Amino acid sequence: MTFSPSPSDDERFLAGLLERHPDDSEIIRRLALAMLERGAAPEAERLARRAVELAPGDGATLAALGQILRRRGRPDDARAVFEQATRLAPDLAVAWHGLGECLTTRPETHAAAIEALRRATALAPLDPHPATALAGLMMALRRHDDAMTAFRLAAERSSPGIGDILNNLGVALERLERRDEAVAALRTA
């Protein structure tokens, strides 16, 4: 048996709304994501699948299912769902970000992962997460200049958690033997 913390206020609120509007795919999608954050992934997947049944052409709903599948350790299933979401909603950053994360799992799809993460980064100018994912992939590929650029972009977009991002920027700069800049980034972190 898996332990899940108590539902949040948001989750309780959404569950109450769902009782009054049982076929509202947006409420179901939001509740599924709230449950995922709590760690109730099987229940979240069940709800997300119901939301997709109700709104099969909604990219945000598909992206939510993709997030849940990826978190449950099913990147191939998630990839297929994210690909469908990006076709339906080509301007949805979360779908491109999720697709990019799925594509990082295999070396033969790294180029496509870079493109998906770059697209997510461009579509979400205030969100540091796609740029951070891009930077992490660039580090793994030993493309430290590109990683440094992506870490800087993520740091510009971040407020909480900026220390981690600046620390990673420092590592990328150090690997490029740009030690003065690395030290400055690490001190700021």
N, C-alpha and C. Protein backbone atom coordinates (compact mmCIF):
# COMPACT_ATOMS: atom_id res chain seq x y z
N MET A 1 0.83 -1.18 0.00
CA MET A 1 0.00 0.00 0.00
C MET A 1 0.88 1.24 0.00
N THR A 2 0.56 2.21 -0.86
CA THR A 2 1.32 3.44 -0.98
C THR A 2 0.70 4.52 -0.12
N PHE A 3 1.54 5.25 0.61
CA PHE A 3 1.05 6.34 1.44
C PHE A 3 0.95 7.61 0.60
N SER A 4 -0.19 8.27 0.68
CA SER A 4 -0.38 9.56 0.04
C SER A 4 -0.78 10.56 1.11
N PRO A 5 -0.14 11.73 1.12
CA PRO A 5 -0.55 12.74 2.10
C PRO A 5 -2.00 13.13 1.89
N SER A 6 -2.52 13.85 2.85
CA SER A 6 -3.91 14.30 2.77
C SER A 6 -4.10 15.22 1.57
N PRO A 7 -5.31 15.23 1.03
CA PRO A 7 -5.60 16.13 -0.09
C PRO A 7 -5.41 17.60 0.32
N SER A 8 -4.93 18.39 -0.62
CA SER A 8 -4.75 19.82 -0.39
C SER A 8 -6.10 20.53 -0.44
N ASP A 9 -6.09 21.79 -0.03
CA ASP A 9 -7.31 22.60 -0.14
C ASP A 9 -7.78 22.68 -1.58
N ASP A 10 -6.82 22.85 -2.51
CA ASP A 10 -7.18 22.91 -3.93
C ASP A 10 -7.85 21.62 -4.39
N GLU A 11 -7.27 20.51 -3.96
CA GLU A 11 -7.83 19.21 -4.35
C GLU A 11 -9.24 19.04 -3.79
N ARG A 12 -9.44 19.41 -2.53
CA ARG A 12 -10.78 19.31 -1.94
C ARG A 12 -11.77 20.23 -2.67
N PHE A 13 -11.32 21.43 -3.00
CA PHE A 13 -12.16 22.38 -3.74
C PHE A 13 -12.57 21.79 -5.09
N LEU A 14 -11.58 21.27 -5.83
CA LEU A 14 -11.87 20.69 -7.14
C LEU A 14 -12.78 19.47 -7.04
N ALA A 15 -12.58 18.65 -6.02
CA ALA A 15 -13.45 17.48 -5.82
C ALA A 15 -14.89 17.93 -5.56
N GLY A 16 -15.04 19.02 -4.81
CA GLY A 16 -16.38 19.56 -4.57
C GLY A 16 -17.02 20.07 -5.85
N LEU A 17 -16.23 20.76 -6.67
CA LEU A 17 -16.73 21.22 -7.97
C LEU A 17 -17.13 20.04 -8.86
N LEU A 18 -16.32 18.99 -8.81
CA LEU A 18 -16.59 17.83 -9.64
C LEU A 18 -17.91 17.15 -9.26
N GLU A 19 -18.25 17.19 -7.98
CA GLU A 19 -19.54 16.62 -7.56
C GLU A 19 -20.70 17.36 -8.23
N ARG A 20 -20.55 18.67 -8.40
CA ARG A 20 -21.62 19.46 -9.02
C ARG A 20 -21.54 19.44 -10.54
N HIS A 21 -20.34 19.19 -11.10
CA HIS A 21 -20.14 19.19 -12.55
C HIS A 21 -19.35 17.93 -12.95
N PRO A 22 -19.97 16.76 -12.87
CA PRO A 22 -19.23 15.50 -13.04
C PRO A 22 -18.66 15.26 -14.43
N ASP A 23 -19.10 16.00 -15.43
CA ASP A 23 -18.60 15.78 -16.79
C ASP A 23 -17.78 16.96 -17.31
N ASP A 24 -17.23 17.76 -16.42
CA ASP A 24 -16.42 18.90 -16.83
C ASP A 24 -14.96 18.46 -16.93
N SER A 25 -14.48 18.34 -18.16
CA SER A 25 -13.13 17.81 -18.38
C SER A 25 -12.04 18.70 -17.77
N GLU A 26 -12.26 20.00 -17.75
CA GLU A 26 -11.24 20.88 -17.17
C GLU A 26 -11.11 20.67 -15.66
N ILE A 27 -12.22 20.53 -14.98
CA ILE A 27 -12.18 20.27 -13.54
C ILE A 27 -11.50 18.92 -13.29
N ILE A 28 -11.86 17.93 -14.07
CA ILE A 28 -11.27 16.60 -13.92
C ILE A 28 -9.77 16.66 -14.16
N ARG A 29 -9.36 17.37 -15.22
CA ARG A 29 -7.92 17.50 -15.54
C ARG A 29 -7.18 18.16 -14.38
N ARG A 30 -7.72 19.26 -13.87
CA ARG A 30 -7.05 19.97 -12.78
C ARG A 30 -6.99 19.11 -11.51
N LEU A 31 -8.05 18.38 -11.25
CA LEU A 31 -8.06 17.50 -10.08
C LEU A 31 -7.02 16.38 -10.26
N ALA A 32 -6.92 15.84 -11.45
CA ALA A 32 -5.92 14.79 -11.72
C ALA A 32 -4.51 15.31 -11.46
N LEU A 33 -4.22 16.51 -11.90
CA LEU A 33 -2.88 17.08 -11.68
C LEU A 33 -2.63 17.36 -10.20
N ALA A 34 -3.66 17.80 -9.49
CA ALA A 34 -3.51 18.02 -8.05
C ALA A 34 -3.24 16.70 -7.33
N MET A 35 -3.91 15.65 -7.76
CA MET A 35 -3.70 14.33 -7.16
C MET A 35 -2.30 13.81 -7.48
N LEU A 36 -1.82 14.09 -8.68
CA LEU A 36 -0.48 13.67 -9.05
C LEU A 36 0.55 14.33 -8.14
N GLU A 37 0.38 15.62 -7.87
CA GLU A 37 1.31 16.33 -7.00
C GLU A 37 1.32 15.74 -5.59
N ARG A 38 0.22 15.21 -5.16
CA ARG A 38 0.11 14.59 -3.84
C ARG A 38 0.73 13.20 -3.85
N GLY A 39 0.95 12.63 -5.03
CA GLY A 39 1.52 11.30 -5.11
C GLY A 39 0.50 10.21 -5.37
N ALA A 40 -0.71 10.60 -5.67
CA ALA A 40 -1.78 9.63 -5.95
C ALA A 40 -1.86 9.39 -7.45
N ALA A 41 -0.77 8.88 -8.03
CA ALA A 41 -0.66 8.74 -9.47
C ALA A 41 -1.69 7.79 -10.11
N PRO A 42 -1.98 6.62 -9.53
CA PRO A 42 -2.97 5.76 -10.18
C PRO A 42 -4.35 6.43 -10.29
N GLU A 43 -4.77 7.10 -9.21
CA GLU A 43 -6.05 7.80 -9.24
C GLU A 43 -6.00 8.96 -10.23
N ALA A 44 -4.87 9.65 -10.26
CA ALA A 44 -4.70 10.77 -11.19
C ALA A 44 -4.81 10.29 -12.63
N GLU A 45 -4.19 9.14 -12.94
CA GLU A 45 -4.26 8.61 -14.30
C GLU A 45 -5.70 8.25 -14.66
N ARG A 46 -6.40 7.63 -13.73
CA ARG A 46 -7.81 7.26 -13.99
C ARG A 46 -8.62 8.51 -14.32
N LEU A 47 -8.45 9.56 -13.54
CA LEU A 47 -9.19 10.80 -13.80
C LEU A 47 -8.78 11.44 -15.12
N ALA A 48 -7.47 11.46 -15.40
CA ALA A 48 -7.00 12.07 -16.64
C ALA A 48 -7.55 11.33 -17.86
N ARG A 49 -7.62 10.03 -17.78
CA ARG A 49 -8.18 9.25 -18.89
C ARG A 49 -9.66 9.58 -19.08
N ARG A 50 -10.36 9.79 -17.99
CA ARG A 50 -11.78 10.20 -18.08
C ARG A 50 -11.88 11.57 -18.74
N ALA A 51 -11.00 12.49 -18.37
CA ALA A 51 -11.01 13.83 -18.97
C ALA A 51 -10.75 13.74 -20.47
N VAL A 52 -9.83 12.87 -20.88
CA VAL A 52 -9.54 12.69 -22.31
C VAL A 52 -10.75 12.11 -23.03
N GLU A 53 -11.46 11.19 -22.40
CA GLU A 53 -12.68 10.64 -23.00
C GLU A 53 -13.69 11.75 -23.25
N LEU A 54 -13.80 12.68 -22.30
CA LEU A 54 -14.76 13.77 -22.42
C LEU A 54 -14.31 14.85 -23.40
N ALA A 55 -13.00 15.04 -23.54
CA ALA A 55 -12.47 16.10 -24.41
C ALA A 55 -11.26 15.58 -25.18
N PRO A 56 -11.48 14.65 -26.13
CA PRO A 56 -10.35 14.03 -26.82
C PRO A 56 -9.54 14.99 -27.69
N GLY A 57 -10.10 16.12 -28.04
CA GLY A 57 -9.39 17.07 -28.88
C GLY A 57 -8.74 18.20 -28.13
N ASP A 58 -8.68 18.10 -26.80
CA ASP A 58 -8.10 19.17 -25.98
C ASP A 58 -6.64 18.86 -25.67
N GLY A 59 -5.76 19.68 -26.20
CA GLY A 59 -4.33 19.47 -26.00
C GLY A 59 -3.91 19.53 -24.55
N ALA A 60 -4.50 20.45 -23.76
CA ALA A 60 -4.13 20.57 -22.35
C ALA A 60 -4.50 19.31 -21.57
N THR A 61 -5.62 18.72 -21.92
CA THR A 61 -6.05 17.49 -21.24
C THR A 61 -5.12 16.34 -21.60
N LEU A 62 -4.75 16.24 -22.86
CA LEU A 62 -3.79 15.21 -23.27
C LEU A 62 -2.44 15.43 -22.60
N ALA A 63 -2.00 16.69 -22.53
CA ALA A 63 -0.72 16.98 -21.89
C ALA A 63 -0.74 16.57 -20.41
N ALA A 64 -1.87 16.76 -19.75
CA ALA A 64 -1.98 16.34 -18.35
C ALA A 64 -1.82 14.82 -18.24
N LEU A 65 -2.47 14.08 -19.13
CA LEU A 65 -2.32 12.63 -19.13
C LEU A 65 -0.86 12.26 -19.40
N GLY A 66 -0.23 12.95 -20.33
CA GLY A 66 1.18 12.70 -20.62
C GLY A 66 2.06 12.93 -19.40
N GLN A 67 1.81 14.00 -18.67
CA GLN A 67 2.59 14.28 -17.45
C GLN A 67 2.45 13.14 -16.45
N ILE A 68 1.24 12.65 -16.30
CA ILE A 68 0.99 11.58 -15.35
C ILE A 68 1.69 10.29 -15.80
N LEU A 69 1.59 9.97 -17.08
CA LEU A 69 2.24 8.75 -17.59
C LEU A 69 3.75 8.83 -17.44
N ARG A 70 4.30 10.01 -17.72
CA ARG A 70 5.76 10.18 -17.58
C ARG A 70 6.17 10.01 -16.12
N ARG A 71 5.42 10.60 -15.22
CA ARG A 71 5.73 10.50 -13.79
C ARG A 71 5.59 9.05 -13.31
N ARG A 72 4.73 8.29 -13.96
CA ARG A 72 4.54 6.88 -13.58
C ARG A 72 5.58 5.97 -14.23
N GLY A 73 6.56 6.55 -14.92
CA GLY A 73 7.63 5.75 -15.50
C GLY A 73 7.29 5.09 -16.81
N ARG A 74 6.41 5.72 -17.58
CA ARG A 74 5.99 5.16 -18.87
C ARG A 74 6.28 6.18 -19.98
N PRO A 75 7.56 6.44 -20.26
CA PRO A 75 7.91 7.50 -21.21
C PRO A 75 7.43 7.24 -22.63
N ASP A 76 7.36 5.99 -23.07
CA ASP A 76 6.89 5.73 -24.44
C ASP A 76 5.40 6.04 -24.58
N ASP A 77 4.62 5.65 -23.58
CA ASP A 77 3.18 5.98 -23.60
C ASP A 77 2.99 7.49 -23.51
N ALA A 78 3.76 8.12 -22.63
CA ALA A 78 3.68 9.58 -22.47
C ALA A 78 4.06 10.29 -23.76
N ARG A 79 5.11 9.80 -24.40
CA ARG A 79 5.56 10.42 -25.65
C ARG A 79 4.44 10.44 -26.69
N ALA A 80 3.76 9.33 -26.85
CA ALA A 80 2.67 9.25 -27.83
C ALA A 80 1.58 10.26 -27.51
N VAL A 81 1.26 10.40 -26.23
CA VAL A 81 0.22 11.34 -25.81
C VAL A 81 0.70 12.78 -26.03
N PHE A 82 1.94 13.08 -25.67
CA PHE A 82 2.47 14.43 -25.88
C PHE A 82 2.54 14.78 -27.37
N GLU A 83 2.90 13.82 -28.20
CA GLU A 83 2.93 14.08 -29.64
C GLU A 83 1.55 14.46 -30.15
N GLN A 84 0.54 13.75 -29.67
CA GLN A 84 -0.84 14.07 -30.05
C GLN A 84 -1.22 15.46 -29.52
N ALA A 85 -0.82 15.78 -28.31
CA ALA A 85 -1.13 17.09 -27.72
C ALA A 85 -0.47 18.22 -28.51
N THR A 86 0.78 18.02 -28.96
CA THR A 86 1.45 19.08 -29.72
C THR A 86 0.82 19.27 -31.09
N ARG A 87 0.27 18.20 -31.66
CA ARG A 87 -0.44 18.36 -32.95
C ARG A 87 -1.73 19.15 -32.76
N LEU A 88 -2.43 18.87 -31.66
CA LEU A 88 -3.71 19.55 -31.40
C LEU A 88 -3.52 20.97 -30.90
N ALA A 89 -2.47 21.21 -30.15
CA ALA A 89 -2.23 22.52 -29.54
C ALA A 89 -0.75 22.89 -29.72
N PRO A 90 -0.36 23.30 -30.92
CA PRO A 90 1.06 23.55 -31.19
C PRO A 90 1.67 24.70 -30.39
N ASP A 91 0.87 25.49 -29.72
CA ASP A 91 1.39 26.58 -28.90
C ASP A 91 1.36 26.26 -27.40
N LEU A 92 1.18 25.01 -27.05
CA LEU A 92 1.08 24.61 -25.65
C LEU A 92 2.47 24.19 -25.13
N ALA A 93 3.09 25.07 -24.38
CA ALA A 93 4.45 24.84 -23.90
C ALA A 93 4.59 23.57 -23.08
N VAL A 94 3.62 23.29 -22.20
CA VAL A 94 3.72 22.11 -21.34
C VAL A 94 3.76 20.82 -22.16
N ALA A 95 3.09 20.79 -23.30
CA ALA A 95 3.11 19.60 -24.15
C ALA A 95 4.49 19.43 -24.79
N TRP A 96 5.08 20.53 -25.27
CA TRP A 96 6.42 20.46 -25.87
C TRP A 96 7.46 20.09 -24.81
N HIS A 97 7.32 20.67 -23.62
CA HIS A 97 8.24 20.35 -22.54
C HIS A 97 8.17 18.86 -22.20
N GLY A 98 6.96 18.34 -22.02
CA GLY A 98 6.80 16.93 -21.72
C GLY A 98 7.35 16.04 -22.82
N LEU A 99 7.07 16.41 -24.07
CA LEU A 99 7.60 15.64 -25.19
C LEU A 99 9.13 15.65 -25.17
N GLY A 100 9.71 16.82 -24.94
CA GLY A 100 11.17 16.91 -24.88
C GLY A 100 11.74 16.03 -23.78
N GLU A 101 11.11 16.05 -22.62
CA GLU A 101 11.58 15.20 -21.51
C GLU A 101 11.52 13.72 -21.89
N CYS A 102 10.46 13.31 -22.56
CA CYS A 102 10.35 11.91 -22.99
C CYS A 102 11.41 11.55 -24.02
N LEU A 103 11.69 12.47 -24.90
CA LEU A 103 12.66 12.21 -25.96
C LEU A 103 14.10 12.16 -25.45
N THR A 104 14.35 12.69 -24.26
CA THR A 104 15.72 12.64 -23.72
C THR A 104 16.11 11.24 -23.27
N THR A 105 15.14 10.33 -23.19
CA THR A 105 15.43 9.01 -22.64
C THR A 105 16.17 8.09 -23.62
N ARG A 106 16.24 8.49 -24.89
CA ARG A 106 16.91 7.65 -25.88
C ARG A 106 17.88 8.47 -26.71
N PRO A 107 19.11 7.99 -26.86
CA PRO A 107 20.10 8.77 -27.62
C PRO A 107 19.66 9.11 -29.04
N GLU A 108 18.94 8.22 -29.69
CA GLU A 108 18.54 8.47 -31.09
C GLU A 108 17.50 9.58 -31.21
N THR A 109 16.91 10.01 -30.11
CA THR A 109 15.92 11.08 -30.18
C THR A 109 16.39 12.38 -29.50
N HIS A 110 17.67 12.47 -29.19
CA HIS A 110 18.18 13.67 -28.51
C HIS A 110 18.01 14.93 -29.36
N ALA A 111 18.22 14.84 -30.67
CA ALA A 111 18.05 16.04 -31.51
C ALA A 111 16.60 16.52 -31.47
N ALA A 112 15.66 15.59 -31.52
CA ALA A 112 14.25 15.97 -31.43
C ALA A 112 13.92 16.51 -30.04
N ALA A 113 14.57 15.97 -29.01
CA ALA A 113 14.36 16.47 -27.64
C ALA A 113 14.82 17.92 -27.54
N ILE A 114 15.96 18.22 -28.12
CA ILE A 114 16.47 19.60 -28.09
C ILE A 114 15.48 20.53 -28.76
N GLU A 115 14.98 20.15 -29.91
CA GLU A 115 14.02 21.01 -30.62
C GLU A 115 12.73 21.20 -29.82
N ALA A 116 12.23 20.13 -29.22
CA ALA A 116 11.00 20.23 -28.43
C ALA A 116 11.22 21.14 -27.21
N LEU A 117 12.35 20.98 -26.54
CA LEU A 117 12.62 21.81 -25.37
C LEU A 117 12.88 23.26 -25.75
N ARG A 118 13.50 23.48 -26.88
CA ARG A 118 13.68 24.87 -27.35
C ARG A 118 12.32 25.50 -27.66
N ARG A 119 11.45 24.73 -28.25
CA ARG A 119 10.12 25.25 -28.55
C ARG A 119 9.36 25.56 -27.26
N ALA A 120 9.43 24.67 -26.29
CA ALA A 120 8.77 24.91 -25.00
C ALA A 120 9.34 26.15 -24.33
N THR A 121 10.65 26.32 -24.40
CA THR A 121 11.30 27.48 -23.81
C THR A 121 10.81 28.77 -24.47
N ALA A 122 10.67 28.76 -25.78
CA ALA A 122 10.19 29.94 -26.49
C ALA A 122 8.72 30.23 -26.18
N LEU A 123 7.93 29.19 -26.00
CA LEU A 123 6.50 29.36 -25.76
C LEU A 123 6.18 29.75 -24.31
N ALA A 124 7.11 29.53 -23.40
CA ALA A 124 6.87 29.83 -21.98
C ALA A 124 7.95 30.78 -21.46
N PRO A 125 7.88 32.05 -21.84
CA PRO A 125 8.97 32.98 -21.52
C PRO A 125 9.16 33.27 -20.03
N LEU A 126 8.23 32.89 -19.19
CA LEU A 126 8.38 33.14 -17.76
C LEU A 126 8.68 31.87 -16.95
N ASP A 127 8.67 30.73 -17.61
CA ASP A 127 8.84 29.45 -16.92
C ASP A 127 10.29 28.96 -17.07
N PRO A 128 11.00 28.77 -15.96
CA PRO A 128 12.39 28.31 -16.05
C PRO A 128 12.53 26.81 -16.33
N HIS A 129 11.47 26.03 -16.17
CA HIS A 129 11.58 24.57 -16.25
C HIS A 129 12.00 24.04 -17.62
N PRO A 130 11.41 24.52 -18.74
CA PRO A 130 11.87 23.99 -20.03
C PRO A 130 13.34 24.34 -20.30
N ALA A 131 13.75 25.56 -19.94
CA ALA A 131 15.16 25.94 -20.15
C ALA A 131 16.08 25.11 -19.27
N THR A 132 15.66 24.80 -18.06
CA THR A 132 16.46 23.97 -17.16
C THR A 132 16.58 22.55 -17.73
N ALA A 133 15.49 22.01 -18.26
CA ALA A 133 15.53 20.68 -18.87
C ALA A 133 16.46 20.68 -20.09
N LEU A 134 16.37 21.74 -20.89
CA LEU A 134 17.26 21.86 -22.05
C LEU A 134 18.71 21.92 -21.60
N ALA A 135 18.99 22.70 -20.57
CA ALA A 135 20.36 22.81 -20.06
C ALA A 135 20.86 21.47 -19.55
N GLY A 136 20.01 20.73 -18.86
CA GLY A 136 20.41 19.41 -18.36
C GLY A 136 20.76 18.46 -19.48
N LEU A 137 19.97 18.49 -20.56
CA LEU A 137 20.27 17.64 -21.71
C LEU A 137 21.59 18.07 -22.36
N MET A 138 21.78 19.37 -22.50
CA MET A 138 23.04 19.86 -23.09
C MET A 138 24.24 19.44 -22.25
N MET A 139 24.08 19.47 -20.92
CA MET A 139 25.18 19.01 -20.05
C MET A 139 25.44 17.52 -20.30
N ALA A 140 24.39 16.73 -20.37
CA ALA A 140 24.56 15.29 -20.60
C ALA A 140 25.24 15.01 -21.94
N LEU A 141 24.99 15.89 -22.91
CA LEU A 141 25.59 15.72 -24.24
C LEU A 141 26.97 16.38 -24.33
N ARG A 142 27.44 16.94 -23.22
CA ARG A 142 28.73 17.64 -23.14
C ARG A 142 28.79 18.86 -24.05
N ARG A 143 27.64 19.46 -24.26
CA ARG A 143 27.57 20.70 -25.04
C ARG A 143 27.47 21.85 -24.03
N HIS A 144 28.59 22.11 -23.37
CA HIS A 144 28.62 23.00 -22.22
C HIS A 144 28.31 24.45 -22.58
N ASP A 145 28.71 24.91 -23.75
CA ASP A 145 28.35 26.28 -24.15
C ASP A 145 26.83 26.42 -24.24
N ASP A 146 26.20 25.45 -24.88
CA ASP A 146 24.74 25.49 -25.01
C ASP A 146 24.07 25.34 -23.64
N ALA A 147 24.65 24.52 -22.78
CA ALA A 147 24.11 24.35 -21.43
C ALA A 147 24.20 25.66 -20.67
N MET A 148 25.33 26.33 -20.79
CA MET A 148 25.51 27.61 -20.10
C MET A 148 24.46 28.62 -20.56
N THR A 149 24.21 28.69 -21.85
CA THR A 149 23.21 29.61 -22.38
C THR A 149 21.82 29.28 -21.82
N ALA A 150 21.48 28.00 -21.80
CA ALA A 150 20.17 27.59 -21.30
C ALA A 150 20.05 27.81 -19.79
N PHE A 151 21.13 27.55 -19.03
CA PHE A 151 21.09 27.81 -17.59
C PHE A 151 20.91 29.31 -17.32
N ARG A 152 21.58 30.13 -18.09
CA ARG A 152 21.42 31.59 -17.92
C ARG A 152 19.97 31.99 -18.19
N LEU A 153 19.40 31.45 -19.23
CA LEU A 153 18.01 31.76 -19.55
C LEU A 153 17.08 31.30 -18.42
N ALA A 154 17.32 30.11 -17.91
CA ALA A 154 16.51 29.61 -16.80
C ALA A 154 16.67 30.50 -15.57
N ALA A 155 17.89 30.94 -15.30
CA ALA A 155 18.12 31.80 -14.14
C ALA A 155 17.39 33.13 -14.29
N GLU A 156 17.35 33.67 -15.49
CA GLU A 156 16.63 34.93 -15.74
C GLU A 156 15.13 34.76 -15.47
N ARG A 157 14.63 33.56 -15.68
CA ARG A 157 13.19 33.30 -15.56
C ARG A 157 12.79 32.82 -14.17
N SER A 158 13.76 32.59 -13.33
CA SER A 158 13.50 31.95 -12.06
C SER A 158 13.63 32.92 -10.90
N SER A 159 12.82 32.69 -9.88
CA SER A 159 13.06 33.39 -8.62
C SER A 159 13.34 32.35 -7.55
N PRO A 160 12.35 31.56 -7.08
CA PRO A 160 12.73 30.49 -6.17
C PRO A 160 13.47 29.40 -6.94
N GLY A 161 14.45 28.83 -6.33
CA GLY A 161 15.22 27.78 -6.98
C GLY A 161 16.34 28.31 -7.84
N ILE A 162 16.52 29.62 -7.86
CA ILE A 162 17.56 30.19 -8.70
C ILE A 162 18.95 29.72 -8.27
N GLY A 163 19.10 29.43 -6.98
CA GLY A 163 20.40 28.96 -6.48
C GLY A 163 20.84 27.69 -7.18
N ASP A 164 19.93 26.74 -7.35
CA ASP A 164 20.27 25.49 -8.04
C ASP A 164 20.65 25.75 -9.48
N ILE A 165 19.90 26.63 -10.11
CA ILE A 165 20.17 26.93 -11.52
C ILE A 165 21.53 27.61 -11.66
N LEU A 166 21.81 28.58 -10.78
CA LEU A 166 23.11 29.25 -10.84
C LEU A 166 24.25 28.30 -10.50
N ASN A 167 24.01 27.36 -9.60
CA ASN A 167 25.02 26.35 -9.31
C ASN A 167 25.32 25.53 -10.56
N ASN A 168 24.29 25.11 -11.27
CA ASN A 168 24.49 24.34 -12.50
C ASN A 168 25.17 25.17 -13.57
N LEU A 169 24.83 26.46 -13.64
CA LEU A 169 25.53 27.35 -14.57
C LEU A 169 27.01 27.39 -14.22
N GLY A 170 27.32 27.48 -12.93
CA GLY A 170 28.72 27.48 -12.51
C GLY A 170 29.46 26.23 -12.94
N VAL A 171 28.80 25.09 -12.85
CA VAL A 171 29.41 23.82 -13.28
C VAL A 171 29.69 23.86 -14.79
N ALA A 172 28.72 24.34 -15.57
CA ALA A 172 28.91 24.42 -17.02
C ALA A 172 30.07 25.36 -17.35
N LEU A 173 30.14 26.51 -16.68
CA LEU A 173 31.23 27.45 -16.93
C LEU A 173 32.57 26.85 -16.54
N GLU A 174 32.61 26.11 -15.44
CA GLU A 174 33.85 25.48 -15.02
C GLU A 174 34.33 24.46 -16.04
N ARG A 175 33.40 23.72 -16.61
CA ARG A 175 33.78 22.71 -17.61
C ARG A 175 34.28 23.35 -18.90
N LEU A 176 33.92 24.61 -19.10
CA LEU A 176 34.44 25.36 -20.23
C LEU A 176 35.73 26.09 -19.86
N GLU A 177 36.20 25.84 -18.63
CA GLU A 177 37.41 26.47 -18.09
C GLU A 177 37.29 27.98 -18.03
N ARG A 178 36.09 28.45 -17.79
CA ARG A 178 35.83 29.88 -17.59
C ARG A 178 35.63 30.06 -16.09
N ARG A 179 36.74 29.88 -15.36
CA ARG A 179 36.68 29.77 -13.90
C ARG A 179 36.24 31.04 -13.20
N ASP A 180 36.65 32.20 -13.66
CA ASP A 180 36.21 33.44 -13.00
C ASP A 180 34.69 33.57 -13.06
N GLU A 181 34.12 33.30 -14.23
CA GLU A 181 32.66 33.36 -14.37
C GLU A 181 32.00 32.27 -13.53
N ALA A 182 32.62 31.09 -13.50
CA ALA A 182 32.07 29.98 -12.71
C ALA A 182 32.03 30.36 -11.23
N VAL A 183 33.11 30.92 -10.73
CA VAL A 183 33.17 31.33 -9.33
C VAL A 183 32.11 32.38 -9.03
N ALA A 184 31.94 33.34 -9.95
CA ALA A 184 30.93 34.38 -9.75
C ALA A 184 29.51 33.77 -9.68
N ALA A 185 29.24 32.85 -10.58
CA ALA A 185 27.92 32.21 -10.58
C ALA A 185 27.71 31.40 -9.30
N LEU A 186 28.74 30.68 -8.88
CA LEU A 186 28.64 29.88 -7.66
C LEU A 186 28.49 30.76 -6.42
N ARG A 187 29.18 31.87 -6.38
CA ARG A 187 29.02 32.78 -5.24
C ARG A 187 27.61 33.35 -5.20
N THR A 188 27.09 33.70 -6.34
CA THR A 188 25.72 34.23 -6.40
C THR A 188 24.73 33.17 -5.96
N ALA A 189 25.00 31.93 -6.34
CA ALA A 189 24.12 30.82 -5.94
C ALA A 189 24.09 30.69 -4.44
